[in-house]
Amino acid sequence: MDPASLSVSQRVNLLVKALNGAKRTNEALAACTDGEAMVEVLLDASSRLGLRLSRNDLLATPPIRDWIWWKNKEALLTIGDQRPRHQQDGRDTPAGRPSEGRRRFLGLF
């Protein structure tokens, strides 16, 4: 079976399964200073496995997307919004505008 014929989420799941027990790759991921370095390690692993994942695929697909956010110390949720980060970036509403009826949290003061 050709992995390139699978959906992006299936290929990401294959990558995650391949990382389980891959000592050198996991050590390289742990040594990364930020999310960009992690993406480079993951792109290399993807190419070695023939998964043909792009940088955008890794940045947009869980659980790897969440690992990168965690490494960059970016919150998955923000207080007052209670929406996952991937739903806050404007992809879920036209032109990046908040949906009707949604209130913004403006702070306590």
C-alpha atoms as a PDB file:
ATOM      1  CA  MET A   1       0.000   0.000   0.000  1.00  0.00           C
ATOM      2  CA  ASP A   2       1.298   3.447  -0.946  1.00  0.00           C
ATOM      3  CA  PRO A   3       1.251   5.762   2.104  1.00  0.00           C
ATOM      4  CA  ALA A   4       0.903   8.787  -0.172  1.00  0.00           C
ATOM      5  CA  SER A   5      -2.586   7.591  -1.126  1.00  0.00           C
ATOM      6  CA  LEU A   6      -3.745   7.874   2.505  1.00  0.00           C
ATOM      7  CA  SER A   7      -5.305  10.995   3.999  1.00  0.00           C
ATOM      8  CA  VAL A   8      -3.088  13.473   5.838  1.00  0.00           C
ATOM      9  CA  SER A   9      -4.419  12.443   9.242  1.00  0.00           C
ATOM     10  CA  GLN A  10      -3.749   8.767   8.477  1.00  0.00           C
ATOM     11  CA  ARG A  11      -0.185   9.576   7.400  1.00  0.00           C
ATOM     12  CA  VAL A  12       0.352  11.645  10.561  1.00  0.00           C
ATOM     13  CA  ASN A  13      -0.921   8.711  12.632  1.00  0.00           C
ATOM     14  CA  LEU A  14       1.568   6.437  10.858  1.00  0.00           C
ATOM     15  CA  LEU A  15       4.346   8.896  11.691  1.00  0.00           C
ATOM     16  CA  VAL A  16       3.289   9.010  15.347  1.00  0.00           C
ATOM     17  CA  LYS A  17       3.266   5.200  15.526  1.00  0.00           C
ATOM     18  CA  ALA A  18       6.704   5.063  13.899  1.00  0.00           C
ATOM     19  CA  LEU A  19       8.066   7.513  16.486  1.00  0.00           C
ATOM     20  CA  ASN A  20       7.094   5.145  19.291  1.00  0.00           C
ATOM     21  CA  GLY A  21      10.335   3.434  20.185  1.00  0.00           C
ATOM     22  CA  ALA A  22      12.490   5.412  17.720  1.00  0.00           C
ATOM     23  CA  LYS A  23      15.164   6.360  20.251  1.00  0.00           C
ATOM     24  CA  ARG A  24      17.351   8.617  18.078  1.00  0.00           C
ATOM     25  CA  THR A  25      14.400  10.537  16.616  1.00  0.00           C
ATOM     26  CA  ASN A  26      12.837  11.015  20.052  1.00  0.00           C
ATOM     27  CA  GLU A  27      16.163  12.250  21.439  1.00  0.00           C
ATOM     28  CA  ALA A  28      16.428  14.695  18.532  1.00  0.00           C
ATOM     29  CA  LEU A  29      12.878  15.923  19.195  1.00  0.00           C
ATOM     30  CA  ALA A  30      13.612  16.375  22.901  1.00  0.00           C
ATOM     31  CA  ALA A  31      16.755  18.379  22.089  1.00  0.00           C
ATOM     32  CA  CYS A  32      14.865  20.812  19.832  1.00  0.00           C
ATOM     33  CA  THR A  33      14.738  24.357  21.155  1.00  0.00           C
ATOM     34  CA  ASP A  34      11.488  25.318  19.445  1.00  0.00           C
ATOM     35  CA  GLY A  35       8.686  24.088  17.221  1.00  0.00           C
ATOM     36  CA  GLU A  36      10.515  24.918  13.988  1.00  0.00           C
ATOM     37  CA  ALA A  37      13.360  22.587  14.912  1.00  0.00           C
ATOM     38  CA  MET A  38      10.798  19.889  15.720  1.00  0.00           C
ATOM     39  CA  VAL A  39       9.179  20.348  12.313  1.00  0.00           C
ATOM     40  CA  GLU A  40      12.554  19.802  10.625  1.00  0.00           C
ATOM     41  CA  VAL A  41      13.127  16.550  12.546  1.00  0.00           C
ATOM     42  CA  LEU A  42       9.586  15.372  11.776  1.00  0.00           C
ATOM     43  CA  LEU A  43       9.909  16.257   8.077  1.00  0.00           C
ATOM     44  CA  ASP A  44      13.093  14.186   7.934  1.00  0.00           C
ATOM     45  CA  ALA A  45      11.350  11.242   9.631  1.00  0.00           C
ATOM     46  CA  SER A  46       8.386  11.600   7.263  1.00  0.00           C
ATOM     47  CA  SER A  47      10.614  11.548   4.205  1.00  0.00           C
ATOM     48  CA  ARG A  48      12.529   8.485   5.456  1.00  0.00           C
ATOM     49  CA  LEU A  49       9.193   6.682   5.890  1.00  0.00           C
ATOM     50  CA  GLY A  50       7.918   7.822   2.479  1.00  0.00           C
ATOM     51  CA  LEU A  51       4.891   9.576   3.994  1.00  0.00           C
ATOM     52  CA  ARG A  52       5.344  12.787   1.970  1.00  0.00           C
ATOM     53  CA  LEU A  53       4.034  15.059   4.713  1.00  0.00           C
ATOM     54  CA  SER A  54       4.532  18.777   4.175  1.00  0.00           C
ATOM     55  CA  ARG A  55       5.396  21.431   6.734  1.00  0.00           C
ATOM     56  CA  ASN A  56       1.790  22.649   6.557  1.00  0.00           C
ATOM     57  CA  ASP A  57       0.479  19.102   7.130  1.00  0.00           C
ATOM     58  CA  LEU A  58       2.505  18.861  10.344  1.00  0.00           C
ATOM     59  CA  LEU A  59       1.535  22.335  11.552  1.00  0.00           C
ATOM     60  CA  ALA A  60      -2.185  21.745  10.979  1.00  0.00           C
ATOM     61  CA  THR A  61      -2.789  18.116  12.007  1.00  0.00           C
ATOM     62  CA  PRO A  62      -3.110  16.833  15.591  1.00  0.00           C
ATOM     63  CA  PRO A  63      -1.380  15.463  17.587  1.00  0.00           C
ATOM     64  CA  ILE A  64       1.807  16.817  16.036  1.00  0.00           C
ATOM     65  CA  ARG A  65       0.299  20.301  15.752  1.00  0.00           C
ATOM     66  CA  ASP A  66      -0.286  20.224  19.521  1.00  0.00           C
ATOM     67  CA  TRP A  67       3.259  19.008  20.223  1.00  0.00           C
ATOM     68  CA  ILE A  68       4.638  21.949  18.254  1.00  0.00           C
ATOM     69  CA  TRP A  69       2.416  24.421  20.095  1.00  0.00           C
ATOM     70  CA  TRP A  70       3.505  22.890  23.405  1.00  0.00           C
ATOM     71  CA  LYS A  71       7.177  23.150  22.455  1.00  0.00           C
ATOM     72  CA  ASN A  72       6.635  26.821  21.523  1.00  0.00           C
ATOM     73  CA  LYS A  73       4.860  27.290  24.878  1.00  0.00           C
ATOM     74  CA  GLU A  74       1.681  28.439  23.146  1.00  0.00           C
ATOM     75  CA  ALA A  75      -1.600  27.765  24.886  1.00  0.00           C
ATOM     76  CA  LEU A  76      -4.013  25.267  23.361  1.00  0.00           C
ATOM     77  CA  LEU A  77      -6.884  27.219  24.946  1.00  0.00           C
ATOM     78  CA  THR A  78      -7.061  30.862  25.916  1.00  0.00           C
ATOM     79  CA  ILE A  79      -8.985  32.082  28.940  1.00  0.00           C
ATOM     80  CA  GLY A  80     -12.371  33.490  28.059  1.00  0.00           C
ATOM     81  CA  ASP A  81     -12.536  31.906  24.640  1.00  0.00           C
ATOM     82  CA  GLN A  82     -12.785  28.229  25.611  1.00  0.00           C
ATOM     83  CA  ARG A  83     -12.110  27.208  22.033  1.00  0.00           C
ATOM     84  CA  PRO A  84      -9.214  25.049  20.893  1.00  0.00           C
ATOM     85  CA  ARG A  85      -6.372  27.022  19.351  1.00  0.00           C
ATOM     86  CA  HIS A  86      -6.921  25.558  15.886  1.00  0.00           C
ATOM     87  CA  GLN A  87     -10.447  27.020  15.902  1.00  0.00           C
ATOM     88  CA  GLN A  88      -9.236  30.463  16.982  1.00  0.00           C
ATOM     89  CA  ASP A  89      -7.031  31.185  14.003  1.00  0.00           C
ATOM     90  CA  GLY A  90      -9.861  32.255  11.689  1.00  0.00           C
ATOM     91  CA  ARG A  91     -10.167  29.140   9.568  1.00  0.00           C
ATOM     92  CA  ASP A  92     -13.605  28.344  10.949  1.00  0.00           C
ATOM     93  CA  THR A  93     -15.286  31.661  10.082  1.00  0.00           C
ATOM     94  CA  PRO A  94     -15.403  33.667   6.847  1.00  0.00           C
ATOM     95  CA  ALA A  95     -12.615  36.222   6.526  1.00  0.00           C
ATOM     96  CA  GLY A  96     -11.358  35.362  10.011  1.00  0.00           C
ATOM     97  CA  ARG A  97     -14.190  37.253  11.736  1.00  0.00           C
ATOM     98  CA  PRO A  98     -15.692  35.918  14.951  1.00  0.00           C
ATOM     99  CA  SER A  99     -18.995  34.167  14.497  1.00  0.00           C
ATOM    100  CA  GLU A 100     -22.200  36.079  15.266  1.00  0.00           C
ATOM    101  CA  GLY A 101     -23.201  36.030  18.923  1.00  0.00           C
ATOM    102  CA  ARG A 102     -19.686  35.272  20.127  1.00  0.00           C
ATOM    103  CA  ARG A 103     -18.448  37.624  22.813  1.00  0.00           C
ATOM    104  CA  ARG A 104     -14.833  38.646  23.203  1.00  0.00           C
ATOM    105  CA  PHE A 105     -13.133  38.515  26.573  1.00  0.00           C
ATOM    106  CA  LEU A 106     -11.698  41.989  27.109  1.00  0.00           C
ATOM    107  CA  GLY A 107     -10.126  41.459  30.509  1.00  0.00           C
ATOM    108  CA  LEU A 108     -11.088  42.160  34.082  1.00  0.00           C
ATOM    109  CA  PHE A 109     -10.349  45.898  34.170  1.00  0.00           C
END
